[in-house]
Amino acid sequence: MRAVASAMGLLSLLACDSQPAQVKEIEVAEGGYKERIEALTDEQRDAVFLRAVRDAGHDCQAVAGSAYSGVQFEMPSWAARCTNGEDWLIMIGKGGRAHVARREEAGPAS
């Protein structure tokens, strides 16, 4: 139950922010976000990433799976695949911003 509450709390903290180009920033709680995401179950993490992709203005009916994808642009990142086959990269910045981009546009992990 506590993990579900944690996932719901993380979901409620996502907020849309306008950003030019293909990357959309979404605000999340400051501090401990990487560890909090890692502590979620697969289903909870997929739900959080579904909300991030949708809040960024992209079409995604459901996230079929997600996984940690290493460091991209000096930020921890996760790859999320929507059921429509589109892959998204969610990168969490030091200030707690989630950057959502098409995975193929983000480039290789560093």
PDB file of N, CA and C in Angstrom:
ATOM      1  N   MET A   1       0.821  -1.182   0.000  1.00  0.00           N
ATOM      2  CA  MET A   1       0.000   0.000   0.000  1.00  0.00           C
ATOM      3  C   MET A   1       0.870   1.253   0.000  1.00  0.00           C
ATOM      4  N   ARG A   2       1.943   1.211   0.752  1.00  0.00           N
ATOM      5  CA  ARG A   2       2.825   2.365   0.825  1.00  0.00           C
ATOM      6  C   ARG A   2       3.441   2.672  -0.535  1.00  0.00           C
ATOM      7  N   ALA A   3       3.816   1.619  -1.291  1.00  0.00           N
ATOM      8  CA  ALA A   3       4.392   1.815  -2.623  1.00  0.00           C
ATOM      9  C   ALA A   3       3.374   2.434  -3.572  1.00  0.00           C
ATOM     10  N   VAL A   4       2.105   2.017  -3.438  1.00  0.00           N
ATOM     11  CA  VAL A   4       1.058   2.595  -4.280  1.00  0.00           C
ATOM     12  C   VAL A   4       0.890   4.069  -3.940  1.00  0.00           C
ATOM     13  N   ALA A   5       0.887   4.400  -2.671  1.00  0.00           N
ATOM     14  CA  ALA A   5       0.777   5.793  -2.252  1.00  0.00           C
ATOM     15  C   ALA A   5       1.955   6.599  -2.765  1.00  0.00           C
ATOM     16  N   SER A   6       3.139   6.014  -2.736  1.00  0.00           N
ATOM     17  CA  SER A   6       4.328   6.676  -3.246  1.00  0.00           C
ATOM     18  C   SER A   6       4.201   6.937  -4.736  1.00  0.00           C
ATOM     19  N   ALA A   7       3.706   5.950  -5.482  1.00  0.00           N
ATOM     20  CA  ALA A   7       3.526   6.116  -6.931  1.00  0.00           C
ATOM     21  C   ALA A   7       2.497   7.187  -7.205  1.00  0.00           C
ATOM     22  N   MET A   8       1.402   7.183  -6.458  1.00  0.00           N
ATOM     23  CA  MET A   8       0.367   8.193  -6.657  1.00  0.00           C
ATOM     24  C   MET A   8       0.900   9.583  -6.308  1.00  0.00           C
ATOM     25  N   GLY A   9       1.714   9.674  -5.280  1.00  0.00           N
ATOM     26  CA  GLY A   9       2.320  10.954  -4.922  1.00  0.00           C
ATOM     27  C   GLY A   9       3.231  11.458  -6.015  1.00  0.00           C
ATOM     28  N   LEU A  10       4.020  10.562  -6.598  1.00  0.00           N
ATOM     29  CA  LEU A  10       4.905  10.940  -7.689  1.00  0.00           C
ATOM     30  C   LEU A  10       4.099  11.368  -8.899  1.00  0.00           C
ATOM     31  N   LEU A  11       3.009  10.661  -9.190  1.00  0.00           N
ATOM     32  CA  LEU A  11       2.142  11.038 -10.304  1.00  0.00           C
ATOM     33  C   LEU A  11       1.564  12.432 -10.099  1.00  0.00           C
ATOM     34  N   SER A  12       1.152  12.741  -8.884  1.00  0.00           N
ATOM     35  CA  SER A  12       0.525  14.030  -8.624  1.00  0.00           C
ATOM     36  C   SER A  12       1.511  15.189  -8.713  1.00  0.00           C
ATOM     37  N   LEU A  13       2.803  14.900  -8.656  1.00  0.00           N
ATOM     38  CA  LEU A  13       3.802  15.956  -8.705  1.00  0.00           C
ATOM     39  C   LEU A  13       4.193  16.351 -10.124  1.00  0.00           C
ATOM     40  N   LEU A  14       3.797  15.554 -11.112  1.00  0.00           N
ATOM     41  CA  LEU A  14       4.146  15.880 -12.487  1.00  0.00           C
ATOM     42  C   LEU A  14       3.283  17.036 -12.973  1.00  0.00           C
ATOM     43  N   ALA A  15       3.919  18.016 -13.597  1.00  0.00           N
ATOM     44  CA  ALA A  15       3.181  19.155 -14.142  1.00  0.00           C
ATOM     45  C   ALA A  15       3.809  19.548 -15.458  1.00  0.00           C
ATOM     46  N   CYS A  16       2.990  19.945 -16.409  1.00  0.00           N
ATOM     47  CA  CYS A  16       3.477  20.268 -17.744  1.00  0.00           C
ATOM     48  C   CYS A  16       4.105  21.658 -17.760  1.00  0.00           C
ATOM     49  N   ASP A  17       5.139  21.825 -18.571  1.00  0.00           N
ATOM     50  CA  ASP A  17       5.838  23.085 -18.733  1.00  0.00           C
ATOM     51  C   ASP A  17       6.168  23.230 -20.200  1.00  0.00           C
ATOM     52  N   SER A  18       5.897  24.393 -20.806  1.00  0.00           N
ATOM     53  CA  SER A  18       6.161  24.527 -22.239  1.00  0.00           C
ATOM     54  C   SER A  18       7.651  24.544 -22.518  1.00  0.00           C
ATOM     55  N   GLN A  19       8.041  23.916 -23.608  1.00  0.00           N
ATOM     56  CA  GLN A  19       9.445  23.792 -23.988  1.00  0.00           C
ATOM     57  C   GLN A  19       9.494  23.663 -25.496  1.00  0.00           C
ATOM     58  N   PRO A  20      10.351  24.422 -26.177  1.00  0.00           N
ATOM     59  CA  PRO A  20      10.451  24.299 -27.623  1.00  0.00           C
ATOM     60  C   PRO A  20      11.110  22.995 -28.040  1.00  0.00           C
ATOM     61  N   ALA A  21      11.037  22.694 -29.311  1.00  0.00           N
ATOM     62  CA  ALA A  21      11.666  21.530 -29.940  1.00  0.00           C
ATOM     63  C   ALA A  21      10.997  20.234 -29.506  1.00  0.00           C
ATOM     64  N   GLN A  22      11.748  19.141 -29.449  1.00  0.00           N
ATOM     65  CA  GLN A  22      11.192  17.812 -29.217  1.00  0.00           C
ATOM     66  C   GLN A  22      11.251  17.370 -27.763  1.00  0.00           C
ATOM     67  N   VAL A  23      11.864  18.140 -26.891  1.00  0.00           N
ATOM     68  CA  VAL A  23      11.984  17.759 -25.486  1.00  0.00           C
ATOM     69  C   VAL A  23      10.966  18.544 -24.682  1.00  0.00           C
ATOM     70  N   LYS A  24      10.210  17.857 -23.838  1.00  0.00           N
ATOM     71  CA  LYS A  24       9.208  18.494 -22.999  1.00  0.00           C
ATOM     72  C   LYS A  24       9.622  18.303 -21.551  1.00  0.00           C
ATOM     73  N   GLU A  25       9.685  19.383 -20.783  1.00  0.00           N
ATOM     74  CA  GLU A  25      10.071  19.308 -19.374  1.00  0.00           C
ATOM     75  C   GLU A  25       8.837  19.175 -18.505  1.00  0.00           C
ATOM     76  N   ILE A  26       8.939  18.343 -17.474  1.00  0.00           N
ATOM     77  CA  ILE A  26       7.857  18.127 -16.531  1.00  0.00           C
ATOM     78  C   ILE A  26       8.445  18.186 -15.133  1.00  0.00           C
ATOM     79  N   GLU A  27       7.847  18.975 -14.269  1.00  0.00           N
ATOM     80  CA  GLU A  27       8.358  19.172 -12.914  1.00  0.00           C
ATOM     81  C   GLU A  27       8.038  17.965 -12.028  1.00  0.00           C
ATOM     82  N   VAL A  28       9.016  17.487 -11.268  1.00  0.00           N
ATOM     83  CA  VAL A  28       8.804  16.445 -10.267  1.00  0.00           C
ATOM     84  C   VAL A  28       9.433  16.918  -8.956  1.00  0.00           C
ATOM     85  N   ALA A  29       9.131  16.226  -7.886  1.00  0.00           N
ATOM     86  CA  ALA A  29       9.643  16.634  -6.572  1.00  0.00           C
ATOM     87  C   ALA A  29      11.165  16.636  -6.559  1.00  0.00           C
ATOM     88  N   GLU A  30      11.735  17.605  -5.861  1.00  0.00           N
ATOM     89  CA  GLU A  30      13.195  17.713  -5.781  1.00  0.00           C
ATOM     90  C   GLU A  30      13.749  16.728  -4.768  1.00  0.00           C
ATOM     91  N   GLY A  31      14.850  16.123  -5.125  1.00  0.00           N
ATOM     92  CA  GLY A  31      15.563  15.246  -4.215  1.00  0.00           C
ATOM     93  C   GLY A  31      15.031  13.834  -4.154  1.00  0.00           C
ATOM     94  N   GLY A  32      15.893  12.889  -4.364  1.00  0.00           N
ATOM     95  CA  GLY A  32      15.543  11.489  -4.209  1.00  0.00           C
ATOM     96  C   GLY A  32      14.668  10.919  -5.312  1.00  0.00           C
ATOM     97  N   TYR A  33      14.476  11.638  -6.389  1.00  0.00           N
ATOM     98  CA  TYR A  33      13.569  11.166  -7.437  1.00  0.00           C
ATOM     99  C   TYR A  33      14.078   9.908  -8.113  1.00  0.00           C
ATOM    100  N   LYS A  34      15.378   9.797  -8.370  1.00  0.00           N
ATOM    101  CA  LYS A  34      15.910   8.584  -9.015  1.00  0.00           C
ATOM    102  C   LYS A  34      15.662   7.380  -8.120  1.00  0.00           C
ATOM    103  N   GLU A  35      15.957   7.504  -6.853  1.00  0.00           N
ATOM    104  CA  GLU A  35      15.764   6.409  -5.913  1.00  0.00           C
ATOM    105  C   GLU A  35      14.284   6.072  -5.769  1.00  0.00           C
ATOM    106  N   ARG A  36      13.428   7.081  -5.769  1.00  0.00           N
ATOM    107  CA  ARG A  36      11.992   6.838  -5.646  1.00  0.00           C
ATOM    108  C   ARG A  36      11.459   6.103  -6.864  1.00  0.00           C
ATOM    109  N   ILE A  37      11.930   6.461  -8.050  1.00  0.00           N
ATOM    110  CA  ILE A  37      11.500   5.768  -9.258  1.00  0.00           C
ATOM    111  C   ILE A  37      11.990   4.327  -9.226  1.00  0.00           C
ATOM    112  N   GLU A  38      13.237   4.118  -8.815  1.00  0.00           N
ATOM    113  CA  GLU A  38      13.786   2.765  -8.746  1.00  0.00           C
ATOM    114  C   GLU A  38      13.051   1.896  -7.727  1.00  0.00           C
ATOM    115  N   ALA A  39      12.476   2.501  -6.702  1.00  0.00           N
ATOM    116  CA  ALA A  39      11.776   1.751  -5.669  1.00  0.00           C
ATOM    117  C   ALA A  39      10.371   1.310  -6.088  1.00  0.00           C
ATOM    118  N   LEU A  40       9.856   1.856  -7.174  1.00  0.00           N
ATOM    119  CA  LEU A  40       8.517   1.503  -7.637  1.00  0.00           C
ATOM    120  C   LEU A  40       8.511   0.115  -8.276  1.00  0.00           C
ATOM    121  N   THR A  41       7.350  -0.523  -8.261  1.00  0.00           N
ATOM    122  CA  THR A  41       7.197  -1.770  -9.015  1.00  0.00           C
ATOM    123  C   THR A  41       7.195  -1.410 -10.505  1.00  0.00           C
ATOM    124  N   ASP A  42       7.340  -2.408 -11.355  1.00  0.00           N
ATOM    125  CA  ASP A  42       7.314  -2.161 -12.800  1.00  0.00           C
ATOM    126  C   ASP A  42       6.014  -1.475 -13.213  1.00  0.00           C
ATOM    127  N   GLU A  43       4.885  -1.944 -12.684  1.00  0.00           N
ATOM    128  CA  GLU A  43       3.584  -1.383 -13.035  1.00  0.00           C
ATOM    129  C   GLU A  43       3.462   0.065 -12.573  1.00  0.00           C
ATOM    130  N   GLN A  44       3.933   0.365 -11.384  1.00  0.00           N
ATOM    131  CA  GLN A  44       3.878   1.731 -10.873  1.00  0.00           C
ATOM    132  C   GLN A  44       4.771   2.659 -11.698  1.00  0.00           C
ATOM    133  N   ARG A  45       5.981   2.184 -12.021  1.00  0.00           N
ATOM    134  CA  ARG A  45       6.900   2.985 -12.829  1.00  0.00           C
ATOM    135  C   ARG A  45       6.293   3.258 -14.201  1.00  0.00           C
ATOM    136  N   ASP A  46       5.688   2.243 -14.818  1.00  0.00           N
ATOM    137  CA  ASP A  46       5.052   2.427 -16.120  1.00  0.00           C
ATOM    138  C   ASP A  46       3.927   3.459 -16.041  1.00  0.00           C
ATOM    139  N   ALA A  47       3.178   3.447 -14.948  1.00  0.00           N
ATOM    140  CA  ALA A  47       2.100   4.419 -14.777  1.00  0.00           C
ATOM    141  C   ALA A  47       2.657   5.839 -14.649  1.00  0.00           C
ATOM    142  N   VAL A  48       3.749   5.989 -13.914  1.00  0.00           N
ATOM    143  CA  VAL A  48       4.385   7.303 -13.772  1.00  0.00           C
ATOM    144  C   VAL A  48       4.877   7.793 -15.135  1.00  0.00           C
ATOM    145  N   PHE A  49       5.500   6.911 -15.901  1.00  0.00           N
ATOM    146  CA  PHE A  49       6.027   7.309 -17.204  1.00  0.00           C
ATOM    147  C   PHE A  49       4.910   7.561 -18.212  1.00  0.00           C
ATOM    148  N   LEU A  50       3.803   6.831 -18.112  1.00  0.00           N
ATOM    149  CA  LEU A  50       2.646   7.115 -18.964  1.00  0.00           C
ATOM    150  C   LEU A  50       2.170   8.538 -18.716  1.00  0.00           C
ATOM    151  N   ARG A  51       2.074   8.901 -17.464  1.00  0.00           N
ATOM    152  CA  ARG A  51       1.641  10.258 -17.115  1.00  0.00           C
ATOM    153  C   ARG A  51       2.635  11.298 -17.631  1.00  0.00           C
ATOM    154  N   ALA A  52       3.927  11.031 -17.525  1.00  0.00           N
ATOM    155  CA  ALA A  52       4.939  11.967 -18.011  1.00  0.00           C
ATOM    156  C   ALA A  52       4.824  12.158 -19.525  1.00  0.00           C
ATOM    157  N   VAL A  53       4.674  11.052 -20.269  1.00  0.00           N
ATOM    158  CA  VAL A  53       4.565  11.142 -21.726  1.00  0.00           C
ATOM    159  C   VAL A  53       3.301  11.895 -22.114  1.00  0.00           C
ATOM    160  N   ARG A  54       2.188  11.580 -21.484  1.00  0.00           N
ATOM    161  CA  ARG A  54       0.925  12.265 -21.789  1.00  0.00           C
ATOM    162  C   ARG A  54       0.982  13.743 -21.408  1.00  0.00           C
ATOM    163  N   ASP A  55       1.544  14.042 -20.237  1.00  0.00           N
ATOM    164  CA  ASP A  55       1.636  15.443 -19.807  1.00  0.00           C
ATOM    165  C   ASP A  55       2.538  16.254 -20.724  1.00  0.00           C
ATOM    166  N   ALA A  56       3.458  15.574 -21.397  1.00  0.00           N
ATOM    167  CA  ALA A  56       4.329  16.247 -22.353  1.00  0.00           C
ATOM    168  C   ALA A  56       3.618  16.468 -23.690  1.00  0.00           C
ATOM    169  N   GLY A  57       2.366  16.013 -23.784  1.00  0.00           N
ATOM    170  CA  GLY A  57       1.571  16.262 -24.970  1.00  0.00           C
ATOM    171  C   GLY A  57       1.662  15.204 -26.045  1.00  0.00           C
ATOM    172  N   HIS A  58       2.159  14.021 -25.694  1.00  0.00           N
ATOM    173  CA  HIS A  58       2.323  12.950 -26.672  1.00  0.00           C
ATOM    174  C   HIS A  58       1.226  11.905 -26.518  1.00  0.00           C
ATOM    175  N   ASP A  59       0.929  11.220 -27.622  1.00  0.00           N
ATOM    176  CA  ASP A  59      -0.092  10.184 -27.625  1.00  0.00           C
ATOM    177  C   ASP A  59       0.503   8.872 -27.124  1.00  0.00           C
ATOM    178  N   CYS A  60      -0.092   8.335 -26.077  1.00  0.00           N
ATOM    179  CA  CYS A  60       0.334   7.049 -25.524  1.00  0.00           C
ATOM    180  C   CYS A  60      -0.852   6.523 -24.725  1.00  0.00           C
ATOM    181  N   GLN A  61      -1.397   5.398 -25.166  1.00  0.00           N
ATOM    182  CA  GLN A  61      -2.553   4.819 -24.476  1.00  0.00           C
ATOM    183  C   GLN A  61      -2.141   4.044 -23.231  1.00  0.00           C
ATOM    184  N   ALA A  62      -0.966   3.444 -23.273  1.00  0.00           N
ATOM    185  CA  ALA A  62      -0.444   2.690 -22.132  1.00  0.00           C
ATOM    186  C   ALA A  62       1.043   2.455 -22.354  1.00  0.00           C
ATOM    187  N   VAL A  63       1.780   2.303 -21.260  1.00  0.00           N
ATOM    188  CA  VAL A  63       3.195   1.954 -21.344  1.00  0.00           C
ATOM    189  C   VAL A  63       3.296   0.447 -21.184  1.00  0.00           C
ATOM    190  N   ALA A  64       3.855  -0.187 -22.211  1.00  0.00           N
ATOM    191  CA  ALA A  64       3.976  -1.648 -22.222  1.00  0.00           C
ATOM    192  C   ALA A  64       5.172  -2.129 -21.412  1.00  0.00           C
ATOM    193  N   GLY A  65       6.116  -1.238 -21.133  1.00  0.00           N
ATOM    194  CA  GLY A  65       7.288  -1.597 -20.352  1.00  0.00           C
ATOM    195  C   GLY A  65       8.257  -0.442 -20.285  1.00  0.00           C
ATOM    196  N   SER A  66       9.088  -0.448 -19.271  1.00  0.00           N
ATOM    197  CA  SER A  66      10.093   0.599 -19.101  1.00  0.00           C
ATOM    198  C   SER A  66      11.282   0.023 -18.365  1.00  0.00           C
ATOM    199  N   ALA A  67      12.436   0.667 -18.559  1.00  0.00           N
ATOM    200  CA  ALA A  67      13.654   0.191 -17.905  1.00  0.00           C
ATOM    201  C   ALA A  67      14.653   1.336 -17.794  1.00  0.00           C
ATOM    202  N   TYR A  68      15.498   1.247 -16.778  1.00  0.00           N
ATOM    203  CA  TYR A  68      16.563   2.223 -16.627  1.00  0.00           C
ATOM    204  C   TYR A  68      17.451   2.161 -17.866  1.00  0.00           C
ATOM    205  N   SER A  69      17.839   3.324 -18.358  1.00  0.00           N
ATOM    206  CA  SER A  69      18.574   3.386 -19.622  1.00  0.00           C
ATOM    207  C   SER A  69      19.932   4.065 -19.460  1.00  0.00           C
ATOM    208  N   GLY A  70      20.424   4.157 -18.257  1.00  0.00           N
ATOM    209  CA  GLY A  70      21.730   4.777 -18.050  1.00  0.00           C
ATOM    210  C   GLY A  70      21.650   6.291 -17.987  1.00  0.00           C
ATOM    211  N   VAL A  71      22.773   6.920 -18.272  1.00  0.00           N
ATOM    212  CA  VAL A  71      22.873   8.373 -18.186  1.00  0.00           C
ATOM    213  C   VAL A  71      22.832   8.959 -19.588  1.00  0.00           C
ATOM    214  N   GLN A  72      21.938   9.895 -19.802  1.00  0.00           N
ATOM    215  CA  GLN A  72      21.813  10.628 -21.062  1.00  0.00           C
ATOM    216  C   GLN A  72      21.966  12.107 -20.731  1.00  0.00           C
ATOM    217  N   PHE A  73      22.848  12.795 -21.418  1.00  0.00           N
ATOM    218  CA  PHE A  73      23.036  14.227 -21.204  1.00  0.00           C
ATOM    219  C   PHE A  73      23.238  14.546 -19.721  1.00  0.00           C
ATOM    220  N   GLU A  74      24.005  13.690 -19.048  1.00  0.00           N
ATOM    221  CA  GLU A  74      24.336  13.829 -17.629  1.00  0.00           C
ATOM    222  C   GLU A  74      23.127  13.708 -16.706  1.00  0.00           C
ATOM    223  N   MET A  75      22.087  13.005 -17.155  1.00  0.00           N
ATOM    224  CA  MET A  75      20.882  12.794 -16.348  1.00  0.00           C
ATOM    225  C   MET A  75      20.532  11.311 -16.353  1.00  0.00           C
ATOM    226  N   PRO A  76      20.077  10.770 -15.202  1.00  0.00           N
ATOM    227  CA  PRO A  76      19.586   9.388 -15.214  1.00  0.00           C
ATOM    228  C   PRO A  76      18.364   9.332 -16.129  1.00  0.00           C
ATOM    229  N   SER A  77      18.240   8.234 -16.874  1.00  0.00           N
ATOM    230  CA  SER A  77      17.140   8.161 -17.832  1.00  0.00           C
ATOM    231  C   SER A  77      16.516   6.769 -17.851  1.00  0.00           C
ATOM    232  N   TRP A  78      15.270   6.738 -18.266  1.00  0.00           N
ATOM    233  CA  TRP A  78      14.522   5.504 -18.414  1.00  0.00           C
ATOM    234  C   TRP A  78      13.899   5.492 -19.795  1.00  0.00           C
ATOM    235  N   ALA A  79      13.914   4.331 -20.436  1.00  0.00           N
ATOM    236  CA  ALA A  79      13.232   4.144 -21.707  1.00  0.00           C
ATOM    237  C   ALA A  79      11.848   3.583 -21.404  1.00  0.00           C
ATOM    238  N   ALA A  80      10.841   4.117 -22.083  1.00  0.00           N
ATOM    239  CA  ALA A  80       9.471   3.636 -21.920  1.00  0.00           C
ATOM    240  C   ALA A  80       8.887   3.375 -23.303  1.00  0.00           C
ATOM    241  N   ARG A  81       8.275   2.222 -23.479  1.00  0.00           N
ATOM    242  CA  ARG A  81       7.643   1.874 -24.757  1.00  0.00           C
ATOM    243  C   ARG A  81       6.131   1.891 -24.591  1.00  0.00           C
ATOM    244  N   CYS A  82       5.484   2.703 -25.428  1.00  0.00           N
ATOM    245  CA  CYS A  82       4.028   2.747 -25.431  1.00  0.00           C
ATOM    246  C   CYS A  82       3.486   1.564 -26.224  1.00  0.00           C
ATOM    247  N   THR A  83       2.233   1.234 -25.979  1.00  0.00           N
ATOM    248  CA  THR A  83       1.623   0.102 -26.677  1.00  0.00           C
ATOM    249  C   THR A  83       1.496   0.355 -28.170  1.00  0.00           C
ATOM    250  N   ASN A  84       1.609   1.596 -28.620  1.00  0.00           N
ATOM    251  CA  ASN A  84       1.572   1.895 -30.056  1.00  0.00           C
ATOM    252  C   ASN A  84       2.951   1.713 -30.694  1.00  0.00           C
ATOM    253  N   GLY A  85       3.947   1.262 -29.924  1.00  0.00           N
ATOM    254  CA  GLY A  85       5.285   0.987 -30.440  1.00  0.00           C
ATOM    255  C   GLY A  85       6.258   2.147 -30.356  1.00  0.00           C
ATOM    256  N   GLU A  86       5.797   3.320 -29.934  1.00  0.00           N
ATOM    257  CA  GLU A  86       6.699   4.464 -29.811  1.00  0.00           C
ATOM    258  C   GLU A  86       7.526   4.350 -28.539  1.00  0.00           C
ATOM    259  N   ASP A  87       8.813   4.655 -28.679  1.00  0.00           N
ATOM    260  CA  ASP A  87       9.735   4.622 -27.544  1.00  0.00           C
ATOM    261  C   ASP A  87      10.028   6.046 -27.084  1.00  0.00           C
ATOM    262  N   TRP A  88       9.994   6.244 -25.782  1.00  0.00           N
ATOM    263  CA  TRP A  88      10.259   7.554 -25.181  1.00  0.00           C
ATOM    264  C   TRP A  88      11.399   7.428 -24.192  1.00  0.00           C
ATOM    265  N   LEU A  89      12.138   8.499 -24.052  1.00  0.00           N
ATOM    266  CA  LEU A  89      13.201   8.570 -23.065  1.00  0.00           C
ATOM    267  C   LEU A  89      12.790   9.626 -22.048  1.00  0.00           C
ATOM    268  N   ILE A  90      12.775   9.238 -20.773  1.00  0.00           N
ATOM    269  CA  ILE A  90      12.453  10.164 -19.691  1.00  0.00           C
ATOM    270  C   ILE A  90      13.734  10.372 -18.907  1.00  0.00           C
ATOM    271  N   MET A  91      14.253  11.601 -18.964  1.00  0.00           N
ATOM    272  CA  MET A  91      15.508  11.948 -18.288  1.00  0.00           C
ATOM    273  C   MET A  91      15.169  12.863 -17.116  1.00  0.00           C
ATOM    274  N   ILE A  92      15.757  12.578 -15.949  1.00  0.00           N
ATOM    275  CA  ILE A  92      15.481  13.368 -14.750  1.00  0.00           C
ATOM    276  C   ILE A  92      16.686  14.245 -14.462  1.00  0.00           C
ATOM    277  N   GLY A  93      16.482  15.570 -14.540  1.00  0.00           N
ATOM    278  CA  GLY A  93      17.548  16.528 -14.296  1.00  0.00           C
ATOM    279  C   GLY A  93      17.804  16.753 -12.816  1.00  0.00           C
ATOM    280  N   LYS A  94      18.926  17.395 -12.510  1.00  0.00           N
ATOM    281  CA  LYS A  94      19.315  17.645 -11.115  1.00  0.00           C
ATOM    282  C   LYS A  94      18.284  18.464 -10.364  1.00  0.00           C
ATOM    283  N   GLY A  95      17.613  19.362 -11.050  1.00  0.00           N
ATOM    284  CA  GLY A  95      16.592  20.189 -10.407  1.00  0.00           C
ATOM    285  C   GLY A  95      15.252  19.507 -10.287  1.00  0.00           C
ATOM    286  N   GLY A  96      15.161  18.249 -10.695  1.00  0.00           N
ATOM    287  CA  GLY A  96      13.910  17.525 -10.571  1.00  0.00           C
ATOM    288  C   GLY A  96      13.015  17.621 -11.786  1.00  0.00           C
ATOM    289  N   ARG A  97      13.526  18.086 -12.914  1.00  0.00           N
ATOM    290  CA  ARG A  97      12.720  18.171 -14.129  1.00  0.00           C
ATOM    291  C   ARG A  97      12.842  16.886 -14.926  1.00  0.00           C
ATOM    292  N   ALA A  98      11.692  16.399 -15.381  1.00  0.00           N
ATOM    293  CA  ALA A  98      11.670  15.243 -16.271  1.00  0.00           C
ATOM    294  C   ALA A  98      11.644  15.758 -17.700  1.00  0.00           C
ATOM    295  N   HIS A  99      12.593  15.335 -18.499  1.00  0.00           N
ATOM    296  CA  HIS A  99      12.671  15.700 -19.907  1.00  0.00           C
ATOM    297  C   HIS A  99      12.206  14.490 -20.703  1.00  0.00           C
ATOM    298  N   VAL A 100      11.179  14.671 -21.518  1.00  0.00           N
ATOM    299  CA  VAL A 100      10.604  13.579 -22.303  1.00  0.00           C
ATOM    300  C   VAL A 100      10.938  13.817 -23.767  1.00  0.00           C
ATOM    301  N   ALA A 101      11.576  12.832 -24.402  1.00  0.00           N
ATOM    302  CA  ALA A 101      11.950  12.956 -25.808  1.00  0.00           C
ATOM    303  C   ALA A 101      11.776  11.616 -26.504  1.00  0.00           C
ATOM    304  N   ARG A 102      11.555  11.658 -27.824  1.00  0.00           N
ATOM    305  CA  ARG A 102      11.546  10.421 -28.606  1.00  0.00           C
ATOM    306  C   ARG A 102      12.899   9.760 -28.403  1.00  0.00           C
ATOM    307  N   ARG A 103      12.914   8.487 -28.139  1.00  0.00           N
ATOM    308  CA  ARG A 103      14.157   7.802 -27.801  1.00  0.00           C
ATOM    309  C   ARG A 103      15.180   7.887 -28.928  1.00  0.00           C
ATOM    310  N   GLU A 104      14.750   7.728 -30.167  1.00  0.00           N
ATOM    311  CA  GLU A 104      15.687   7.751 -31.273  1.00  0.00           C
ATOM    312  C   GLU A 104      16.275   9.149 -31.508  1.00  0.00           C
ATOM    313  N   GLU A 105      15.619  10.193 -31.026  1.00  0.00           N
ATOM    314  CA  GLU A 105      16.133  11.549 -31.180  1.00  0.00           C
ATOM    315  C   GLU A 105      17.111  11.923 -30.079  1.00  0.00           C
ATOM    316  N   ALA A 106      17.121  11.160 -28.987  1.00  0.00           N
ATOM    317  CA  ALA A 106      17.977  11.495 -27.843  1.00  0.00           C
ATOM    318  C   ALA A 106      19.425  11.070 -28.041  1.00  0.00           C
ATOM    319  N   GLY A 107      19.674  10.078 -28.868  1.00  0.00           N
ATOM    320  CA  GLY A 107      21.039   9.623 -29.101  1.00  0.00           C
ATOM    321  C   GLY A 107      21.441   8.510 -28.163  1.00  0.00           C
ATOM    322  N   PRO A 108      22.656   8.002 -28.301  1.00  0.00           N
ATOM    323  CA  PRO A 108      23.110   6.879 -27.476  1.00  0.00           C
ATOM    324  C   PRO A 108      23.385   7.284 -26.035  1.00  0.00           C
ATOM    325  N   ALA A 109      23.283   6.325 -25.147  1.00  0.00           N
ATOM    326  CA  ALA A 109      23.587   6.580 -23.722  1.00  0.00           C
ATOM    327  C   ALA A 109      25.065   6.844 -23.550  1.00  0.00           C
ATOM    328  N   SER A 110      25.377   7.709 -22.567  1.00  0.00           N
ATOM    329  CA  SER A 110      26.795   8.009 -22.302  1.00  0.00           C
ATOM    330  C   SER A 110      27.272   7.293 -21.066  1.00  0.00           C
TER     331      SER A 110
END
